[in-house]
Amino acid sequence: MKSSTVVVAVMCVVLCAQAQVMYAQRFFDEVFSEVDVTRDIKYGNALDYVGVSTDLVLDVYAPVGDTRPLRPLIIMVHGGGFTGGGKAGESMQTWGTDLAKRGFVAVSIEYRLGTTSKLEAKPMWEASLRAGQDVRASVRFMRSMAVTYGIDTSMIFLVGTSAGGFAIMQASVLQDDEIPAYVDPAVGTAEGTSGTPGVSSRVHALVVCWGAVTDTMNIDAGDPPIIAIHGTDDKTVPYLCGPSKFGFELCGAVPLTNRAQNLGIYNAMQLFEGAGHTLDGNAVLLDSCFTFFADELAGLVDDSATTSVNEYSNAPNTNNSNSVQGNGALLAVYPNPATSASIIVVSGASGYATLRIVDIMGRVVAQPFVGTVSGELRIPLPTLPAGSYYVVLHAEQGRTAYTHGLIVH
């Protein structure tokens, strides 16, 4: 890297009050009028409950005309008691379209269905485990395709309805030693092998719609925020803890959020008094449900102060070192102009972090760090061809993720 051709300049995360207003509108309001839908993208393959090889597919909803290089991703998982439903059913198409209009990238997935009995604990637990494995595979696949779809991999959210809500809990909090002993080992581990091995399946928030978990003790400190929505007259999945027709106890919205609260995990809950399972299919209640969880997810994104290319400052910085600071975290590159000895310095951030370098088209050209940050982190700046780049940090600290940018000329 030659200093004559590579110069580092700071890009501000938030320029002014006007930029903040524009930013908030993006995820809280519909700011795009058109949505592109790409259907039946294969994300994996696995054996179903009778040993038949099954291709796993998903649909992607993305805003048309979006210039932002990195967008939060919402993966939606349908219900159906692990025996029915599909990625185009329930509210999935409507929600996918409306989320994309807000500026998210949304995905609706198919997962393996089928069980020998819907009334016995063993086959239903195995069905939920297979579904959770497939959800994790969809996360791994979309994370691996971040450049193609413009995904911010530090902001991947799951939304699940009914069985899908159970599946996303299995996909995000279940550990191998929490799988009951009666489950057939052939079904596999919590992570599973449904596709895209070697990529993280970590997610950053859960929206559990009339779903549940078998044991709230599976939720541990440091697990993702939980947003739970439930009807208080749900006869299929209890909004408290209680028996289910599947042969084991389920714990719904209230115990889910109570457990999260006790562990210091961000949580939010919306109860619909007197409403049954799936909110009785009531369009008004479903719209209220969508607005609630979409605004909650928008708030999580807003807290992270994530920025797009168009929101960065292009003003030159003539200092020998350039840095940008926000929410207590600092990202800097020394020296500037850059040389082969330049380093990236991260300080004031903690928790799981990713550091990526992207070009002006939003394509990831390097990922010099993925791991846990504690204290100051100093990383050599990778060798880059002459051109403009962004160095983007996502470091979690509790419920908040930080994003900062730098541009390299």
Protein backbone atom coordinates (compact mmCIF):
# COMPACT_ATOMS: atom_id res chain seq x y z
CA MET A 1 0.00 0.00 0.00
CA LYS A 2 1.61 3.31 -1.07
CA SER A 3 0.90 6.53 0.75
CA SER A 4 0.85 8.37 -2.56
CA THR A 5 -2.21 6.48 -3.71
CA VAL A 6 -4.02 5.60 -0.47
CA VAL A 7 -5.31 8.23 1.93
CA VAL A 8 -7.54 7.66 4.95
CA ALA A 9 -10.24 10.17 5.80
CA VAL A 10 -12.92 10.10 8.46
CA MET A 11 -16.58 9.67 7.59
CA CYS A 12 -19.06 10.84 10.20
CA VAL A 13 -21.71 8.38 11.32
CA VAL A 14 -24.38 10.99 11.93
CA LEU A 15 -23.89 14.41 10.38
CA CYS A 16 -26.68 16.48 11.84
CA ALA A 17 -30.22 16.46 13.16
CA GLN A 18 -31.57 16.31 9.61
CA ALA A 19 -29.64 13.11 8.90
CA GLN A 20 -30.95 11.61 12.15
CA VAL A 21 -34.52 12.35 11.12
CA MET A 22 -33.97 10.80 7.68
CA TYR A 23 -32.38 7.78 9.34
CA ALA A 24 -35.30 7.20 11.72
CA GLN A 25 -37.84 7.48 8.95
CA ARG A 26 -36.14 4.77 6.97
CA PHE A 27 -37.05 1.94 9.31
CA PHE A 28 -40.12 3.36 11.05
CA ASP A 29 -41.92 4.39 7.87
CA GLU A 30 -42.36 3.05 4.36
CA VAL A 31 -39.77 4.99 2.35
CA PHE A 32 -39.69 2.78 -0.76
CA SER A 33 -42.64 2.31 -3.07
CA GLU A 34 -41.45 -0.80 -4.90
CA VAL A 35 -40.14 -4.13 -3.69
CA ASP A 36 -38.23 -6.76 -5.62
CA VAL A 37 -39.09 -10.36 -4.72
CA THR A 38 -36.78 -13.23 -5.65
CA ARG A 39 -38.37 -16.59 -5.00
CA ASP A 40 -37.23 -20.14 -4.37
CA ILE A 41 -33.55 -19.55 -3.67
CA LYS A 42 -32.00 -22.76 -2.39
CA TYR A 43 -30.28 -22.27 0.95
CA GLY A 44 -29.71 -25.86 1.98
CA ASN A 45 -30.66 -29.52 1.89
CA ALA A 46 -31.38 -32.07 4.61
CA LEU A 47 -33.20 -35.33 5.30
CA ASP A 48 -36.80 -35.02 6.42
CA TYR A 49 -38.49 -37.07 9.14
CA VAL A 50 -38.69 -40.18 6.91
CA GLY A 51 -35.19 -39.81 5.49
CA VAL A 52 -36.09 -38.12 2.19
CA SER A 53 -33.57 -35.57 0.88
CA THR A 54 -35.28 -32.18 0.94
CA ASP A 55 -34.16 -28.95 -0.73
CA LEU A 56 -34.67 -25.89 1.46
CA VAL A 57 -35.67 -22.64 -0.26
CA LEU A 58 -36.43 -19.06 0.65
CA ASP A 59 -37.82 -15.85 -0.85
CA VAL A 60 -36.02 -12.50 -0.60
CA TYR A 61 -37.85 -9.16 -0.39
CA ALA A 62 -35.66 -6.11 -1.05
CA PRO A 63 -36.45 -2.41 -1.58
CA VAL A 64 -36.10 -1.19 -5.18
CA GLY A 65 -33.77 1.77 -5.64
CA ASP A 66 -32.00 1.43 -2.30
CA THR A 67 -28.48 2.89 -2.34
CA ARG A 68 -27.61 1.82 1.18
CA PRO A 69 -24.86 -0.82 0.96
CA LEU A 70 -25.66 -2.67 4.19
CA ARG A 71 -29.24 -3.30 5.32
CA PRO A 72 -30.64 -5.10 8.39
CA LEU A 73 -32.00 -8.55 7.58
CA ILE A 74 -35.25 -10.02 8.91
CA ILE A 75 -35.78 -13.76 8.44
CA MET A 76 -39.42 -14.83 8.78
CA VAL A 77 -40.42 -18.36 9.80
CA HIS A 78 -44.01 -19.49 9.27
CA GLY A 79 -46.17 -21.57 11.57
CA GLY A 80 -48.24 -24.68 10.94
CA GLY A 81 -47.57 -27.10 13.78
CA PHE A 82 -44.47 -28.45 11.98
CA THR A 83 -46.76 -30.23 9.51
CA GLY A 84 -48.13 -27.43 7.34
CA GLY A 85 -47.74 -23.83 6.25
CA GLY A 86 -45.22 -22.28 3.89
CA LYS A 87 -43.12 -19.24 3.12
CA ALA A 88 -45.90 -17.59 1.09
CA GLY A 89 -48.66 -18.27 3.63
CA GLU A 90 -50.02 -16.48 6.68
CA SER A 91 -48.81 -12.88 6.67
CA MET A 92 -45.37 -13.67 5.28
CA GLN A 93 -45.80 -12.02 1.87
CA THR A 94 -47.46 -8.93 3.31
CA TRP A 95 -44.91 -8.58 6.09
CA GLY A 96 -42.00 -9.20 3.72
CA THR A 97 -43.23 -6.50 1.36
CA ASP A 98 -43.95 -3.98 4.11
CA LEU A 99 -40.60 -4.58 5.81
CA ALA A 100 -38.76 -4.07 2.52
CA LYS A 101 -40.65 -0.82 1.98
CA ARG A 102 -39.30 0.33 5.34
CA GLY A 103 -35.75 -0.38 4.16
CA PHE A 104 -35.10 -3.83 5.60
CA VAL A 105 -34.22 -6.89 3.56
CA ALA A 106 -36.73 -9.58 4.46
CA VAL A 107 -36.60 -13.31 3.84
CA SER A 108 -39.32 -15.93 4.20
CA ILE A 109 -38.13 -19.51 4.46
CA GLU A 110 -39.38 -23.04 3.95
CA TYR A 111 -38.15 -25.60 6.48
CA ARG A 112 -38.59 -29.34 6.89
CA LEU A 113 -42.12 -30.36 7.85
CA GLY A 114 -43.57 -33.64 8.99
CA THR A 115 -43.81 -35.83 12.07
CA THR A 116 -45.10 -39.31 12.85
CA SER A 117 -47.40 -37.81 15.51
CA LYS A 118 -48.46 -34.32 16.54
CA LEU A 119 -49.53 -35.57 19.98
CA GLU A 120 -46.31 -37.15 21.27
CA ALA A 121 -43.33 -35.39 22.78
CA LYS A 122 -40.55 -37.29 20.99
CA PRO A 123 -41.59 -36.77 17.34
CA MET A 124 -42.69 -33.17 17.98
CA TRP A 125 -39.45 -32.29 19.73
CA GLU A 126 -37.55 -33.80 16.82
CA ALA A 127 -39.65 -31.78 14.36
CA SER A 128 -38.88 -28.58 16.27
CA LEU A 129 -35.19 -29.45 16.30
CA ARG A 130 -35.13 -30.01 12.53
CA ALA A 131 -36.91 -26.68 12.02
CA GLY A 132 -34.42 -24.90 14.27
CA GLN A 133 -31.54 -26.45 12.34
CA ASP A 134 -33.01 -25.15 9.09
CA VAL A 135 -33.50 -21.66 10.53
CA ARG A 136 -29.83 -21.64 11.51
CA ALA A 137 -28.90 -22.77 8.01
CA SER A 138 -30.90 -19.89 6.53
CA VAL A 139 -29.00 -17.46 8.76
CA ARG A 140 -25.67 -18.96 7.71
CA PHE A 141 -26.64 -18.82 4.04
CA MET A 142 -27.80 -15.20 4.13
CA ARG A 143 -24.72 -14.19 6.10
CA SER A 144 -22.56 -15.83 3.43
CA MET A 145 -24.51 -13.92 0.76
CA ALA A 146 -24.18 -10.56 2.52
CA VAL A 147 -22.44 -8.92 -0.42
CA THR A 148 -24.99 -10.17 -2.95
CA TYR A 149 -28.00 -8.94 -0.99
CA GLY A 150 -26.44 -5.98 0.80
CA ILE A 151 -26.86 -7.47 4.29
CA ASP A 152 -25.52 -5.92 7.48
CA THR A 153 -24.48 -9.12 9.23
CA SER A 154 -24.45 -7.44 12.64
CA MET A 155 -28.20 -6.90 12.40
CA ILE A 156 -29.93 -10.19 11.59
CA PHE A 157 -33.36 -10.58 13.17
CA LEU A 158 -35.74 -13.56 13.32
CA VAL A 159 -39.53 -13.36 13.24
CA GLY A 160 -41.47 -16.56 13.87
CA THR A 161 -45.19 -17.29 14.15
CA SER A 162 -46.56 -20.22 16.19
CA ALA A 163 -44.36 -23.23 15.32
CA GLY A 164 -42.07 -20.74 13.61
CA GLY A 165 -41.77 -18.88 16.92
CA PHE A 166 -40.80 -22.16 18.60
CA ALA A 167 -38.32 -22.83 15.77
CA ILE A 168 -36.55 -19.48 16.12
CA MET A 169 -36.14 -20.10 19.85
CA GLN A 170 -34.59 -23.49 19.05
CA ALA A 171 -32.38 -21.77 16.49
CA SER A 172 -31.09 -19.04 18.78
CA VAL A 173 -30.91 -20.25 22.39
CA LEU A 174 -30.85 -24.07 22.33
CA GLN A 175 -27.59 -25.80 23.28
CA ASP A 176 -26.77 -29.46 22.59
CA ASP A 177 -26.91 -30.40 26.28
CA GLU A 178 -30.46 -29.01 26.46
CA ILE A 179 -31.82 -31.49 23.89
CA PRO A 180 -33.88 -34.18 25.71
CA ALA A 181 -32.28 -37.58 25.99
CA TYR A 182 -35.24 -39.22 24.22
CA VAL A 183 -34.56 -37.32 20.99
CA ASP A 184 -33.03 -39.59 18.33
CA PRO A 185 -29.31 -38.67 18.02
CA ALA A 186 -29.67 -39.15 14.27
CA VAL A 187 -31.67 -35.92 14.12
CA GLY A 188 -28.41 -34.13 14.87
CA THR A 189 -27.11 -31.29 16.95
CA ALA A 190 -28.75 -27.94 17.67
CA GLU A 191 -26.69 -26.36 14.89
CA GLY A 192 -27.46 -29.08 12.37
CA THR A 193 -26.02 -29.66 8.92
CA SER A 194 -28.68 -28.20 6.65
CA GLY A 195 -26.28 -26.02 4.67
CA THR A 196 -23.46 -23.42 4.55
CA PRO A 197 -21.18 -24.96 7.19
CA GLY A 198 -18.52 -22.92 8.94
CA VAL A 199 -20.52 -19.68 9.01
CA SER A 200 -21.99 -18.15 12.17
CA SER A 201 -25.72 -18.55 12.82
CA ARG A 202 -25.72 -15.81 15.43
CA VAL A 203 -28.72 -13.46 15.36
CA HIS A 204 -29.42 -10.17 17.09
CA ALA A 205 -33.12 -10.13 18.04
CA LEU A 206 -36.11 -12.46 18.12
CA VAL A 207 -39.77 -11.71 17.47
CA VAL A 208 -41.85 -14.59 18.85
CA CYS A 209 -45.45 -14.33 17.66
CA TRP A 210 -47.77 -16.70 19.58
CA GLY A 211 -44.77 -19.01 19.89
CA ALA A 212 -42.98 -20.47 22.87
CA VAL A 213 -40.03 -22.36 24.30
CA THR A 214 -40.03 -25.64 26.19
CA ASP A 215 -37.85 -24.33 29.00
CA THR A 216 -37.12 -20.67 29.74
CA MET A 217 -33.88 -21.80 31.42
CA ASN A 218 -32.55 -22.37 27.91
CA ILE A 219 -32.32 -18.58 27.66
CA ASP A 220 -28.97 -17.35 28.97
CA ALA A 221 -27.44 -13.96 29.63
CA GLY A 222 -26.11 -12.55 26.38
CA ASP A 223 -28.82 -14.14 24.23
CA PRO A 224 -30.59 -11.88 21.71
CA PRO A 225 -33.36 -9.42 22.65
CA ILE A 226 -36.81 -11.01 22.78
CA ILE A 227 -39.95 -9.34 21.47
CA ALA A 228 -42.99 -11.47 22.27
CA ILE A 229 -46.58 -11.14 21.04
CA HIS A 230 -49.45 -13.33 22.22
CA GLY A 231 -53.20 -13.59 22.67
CA THR A 232 -54.35 -14.29 26.22
CA ASP A 233 -56.98 -16.78 25.03
CA ASP A 234 -54.57 -18.90 22.96
CA LYS A 235 -55.66 -22.53 23.35
CA THR A 236 -52.85 -23.91 21.16
CA VAL A 237 -49.75 -22.27 22.63
CA PRO A 238 -50.12 -20.88 26.18
CA TYR A 239 -49.10 -17.28 26.75
CA LEU A 240 -48.00 -18.38 30.23
CA CYS A 241 -46.43 -21.78 30.95
CA GLY A 242 -48.63 -24.82 30.58
CA PRO A 243 -49.27 -28.12 28.86
CA SER A 244 -49.63 -28.34 25.11
CA LYS A 245 -51.20 -30.88 22.79
CA PHE A 246 -47.68 -31.80 21.67
CA GLY A 247 -46.90 -33.79 24.81
CA PHE A 248 -44.66 -31.29 26.57
CA GLU A 249 -44.99 -27.99 28.40
CA LEU A 250 -44.60 -24.72 26.52
CA CYS A 251 -43.86 -21.28 27.90
CA GLY A 252 -45.16 -18.31 25.92
CA ALA A 253 -44.80 -14.54 25.89
CA VAL A 254 -45.00 -13.72 29.60
CA PRO A 255 -42.40 -16.20 30.89
CA LEU A 256 -40.19 -15.52 27.86
CA THR A 257 -40.01 -11.81 28.60
CA ASN A 258 -39.79 -12.36 32.37
CA ARG A 259 -36.75 -14.60 31.89
CA ALA A 260 -35.15 -12.05 29.56
CA GLN A 261 -35.85 -9.26 32.04
CA ASN A 262 -34.26 -11.21 34.89
CA LEU A 263 -31.12 -11.76 32.79
CA GLY A 264 -30.82 -8.14 31.67
CA ILE A 265 -31.76 -8.98 28.07
CA TYR A 266 -33.75 -6.30 26.27
CA ASN A 267 -37.35 -7.42 25.90
CA ALA A 268 -40.74 -6.14 24.83
CA MET A 269 -44.18 -7.73 24.95
CA GLN A 270 -47.57 -7.09 23.40
CA LEU A 271 -50.54 -9.03 24.77
CA PHE A 272 -53.91 -9.08 23.03
CA GLU A 273 -56.56 -9.55 25.69
CA GLY A 274 -59.04 -12.27 24.73
CA ALA A 275 -57.40 -13.09 21.38
CA GLY A 276 -56.74 -16.69 20.43
CA HIS A 277 -54.02 -18.41 18.45
CA THR A 278 -52.74 -16.42 15.44
CA LEU A 279 -54.77 -13.54 16.94
CA ASP A 280 -57.78 -15.29 15.45
CA GLY A 281 -56.68 -14.15 12.00
CA ASN A 282 -58.05 -10.71 12.82
CA ALA A 283 -56.63 -8.27 10.24
CA VAL A 284 -56.71 -5.30 12.63
CA LEU A 285 -54.89 -7.21 15.38
CA LEU A 286 -52.36 -8.61 12.93
CA ASP A 287 -51.65 -5.11 11.64
CA SER A 288 -51.16 -3.91 15.21
CA CYS A 289 -48.82 -6.86 15.81
CA PHE A 290 -46.76 -5.98 12.72
CA THR A 291 -46.49 -2.31 13.62
CA PHE A 292 -45.40 -3.20 17.16
CA PHE A 293 -42.61 -5.59 16.24
CA ALA A 294 -41.47 -3.65 13.16
CA ASP A 295 -41.11 -0.50 15.26
CA GLU A 296 -39.27 -2.47 17.95
CA LEU A 297 -36.79 -3.78 15.38
CA ALA A 298 -36.47 -0.28 13.90
CA GLY A 299 -35.61 0.94 17.38
CA LEU A 300 -32.88 -1.67 17.73
CA VAL A 301 -31.43 -0.57 14.39
CA ASP A 302 -31.81 3.10 15.27
CA ASP A 303 -29.92 2.58 18.53
CA SER A 304 -26.97 1.23 16.54
CA ALA A 305 -26.61 4.46 14.52
CA THR A 306 -25.94 2.46 11.38
CA THR A 307 -25.27 4.66 8.38
CA SER A 308 -25.49 4.41 4.64
CA VAL A 309 -23.03 5.67 2.04
CA ASN A 310 -25.24 8.66 1.31
CA GLU A 311 -25.25 9.70 4.98
CA TYR A 312 -21.47 9.86 5.31
CA SER A 313 -19.52 13.09 5.07
CA ASN A 314 -17.22 13.51 2.08
CA ALA A 315 -15.39 16.41 3.65
CA PRO A 316 -11.62 15.80 3.73
CA ASN A 317 -9.76 15.49 6.99
CA THR A 318 -6.22 16.79 6.92
CA ASN A 319 -5.14 15.32 10.25
CA ASN A 320 -2.54 12.58 10.26
CA SER A 321 -4.98 10.26 11.98
CA ASN A 322 -8.69 10.01 11.37
CA SER A 323 -11.27 8.65 13.74
CA VAL A 324 -14.98 8.60 14.28
CA GLN A 325 -16.66 8.15 17.62
CA GLY A 326 -20.19 7.33 18.67
CA ASN A 327 -21.95 5.69 21.62
CA GLY A 328 -18.63 5.52 23.44
CA ALA A 329 -16.77 3.47 20.83
CA LEU A 330 -13.89 4.79 18.74
CA LEU A 331 -12.66 3.62 15.34
CA ALA A 332 -9.47 5.11 13.94
CA VAL A 333 -6.77 4.47 11.32
CA TYR A 334 -3.17 5.55 11.89
CA PRO A 335 -1.29 7.03 10.12
CA ASN A 336 -3.02 9.01 7.43
CA PRO A 337 -2.06 9.08 4.56
CA ALA A 338 -1.99 5.31 4.82
CA THR A 339 1.20 3.28 4.55
CA SER A 340 1.98 -0.40 4.74
CA ALA A 341 2.30 0.11 8.50
CA SER A 342 -1.18 1.62 8.99
CA ILE A 343 -3.33 0.09 11.70
CA ILE A 344 -7.01 0.13 12.60
CA VAL A 345 -7.64 0.95 16.25
CA VAL A 346 -10.89 0.05 18.04
CA SER A 347 -11.45 1.23 21.60
CA GLY A 348 -14.39 1.72 23.93
CA ALA A 349 -16.35 -1.22 22.48
CA SER A 350 -17.02 -4.61 24.01
CA GLY A 351 -18.63 -7.93 23.19
CA TYR A 352 -18.85 -9.80 19.91
CA ALA A 353 -17.61 -7.66 17.03
CA THR A 354 -17.02 -7.71 13.31
CA LEU A 355 -14.78 -5.33 11.39
CA ARG A 356 -15.22 -5.20 7.63
CA ILE A 357 -13.87 -3.16 4.75
CA VAL A 358 -16.30 -2.52 1.90
CA ASP A 359 -15.94 -0.66 -1.35
CA ILE A 360 -18.22 2.14 -2.50
CA MET A 361 -20.63 -0.40 -4.00
CA GLY A 362 -21.04 -2.05 -0.60
CA ARG A 363 -19.05 -5.15 -1.53
CA VAL A 364 -17.01 -6.63 1.30
CA VAL A 365 -13.34 -6.70 0.25
CA ALA A 366 -11.83 -7.70 3.59
CA GLN A 367 -12.93 -8.78 7.04
CA PRO A 368 -9.85 -8.29 9.23
CA PHE A 369 -11.54 -9.18 12.52
CA VAL A 370 -14.40 -11.31 13.86
CA GLY A 371 -14.48 -12.12 17.55
CA THR A 372 -14.82 -10.69 21.03
CA VAL A 373 -13.58 -7.18 21.82
CA SER A 374 -12.42 -6.28 25.30
CA GLY A 375 -10.33 -3.15 25.69
CA GLU A 376 -8.34 -1.75 22.79
CA LEU A 377 -7.99 -3.69 19.55
CA ARG A 378 -5.20 -2.90 17.05
CA ILE A 379 -5.34 -4.55 13.62
CA PRO A 380 -3.05 -4.04 10.59
CA LEU A 381 -4.88 -2.32 7.73
CA PRO A 382 -5.04 -4.88 4.90
CA THR A 383 -3.29 -4.08 1.63
CA LEU A 384 -5.83 -2.52 -0.75
CA PRO A 385 -5.70 -1.29 -4.32
CA ALA A 386 -6.04 2.46 -4.74
CA GLY A 387 -9.69 3.45 -4.39
CA SER A 388 -12.42 4.40 -1.96
CA TYR A 389 -13.47 2.09 0.86
CA TYR A 390 -15.39 2.08 4.11
CA VAL A 391 -14.14 0.48 7.30
CA VAL A 392 -17.18 -0.56 9.29
CA LEU A 393 -17.24 -1.69 12.91
CA HIS A 394 -20.13 -3.50 14.55
CA ALA A 395 -19.48 -4.13 18.23
CA GLU A 396 -22.25 -5.27 20.53
CA GLN A 397 -22.54 -3.93 24.05
CA GLY A 398 -25.69 -5.20 25.71
CA ARG A 399 -28.57 -4.58 23.32
CA THR A 400 -26.73 -1.92 21.33
CA ALA A 401 -24.54 -2.36 18.27
CA TYR A 402 -22.20 0.38 17.09
CA THR A 403 -21.34 1.21 13.51
CA HIS A 404 -18.64 3.65 12.46
CA GLY A 405 -17.17 4.41 9.10
CA LEU A 406 -13.93 5.47 7.47
CA ILE A 407 -13.21 6.04 3.82
CA VAL A 408 -9.93 5.18 2.11
CA HIS A 409 -8.93 7.13 -1.02
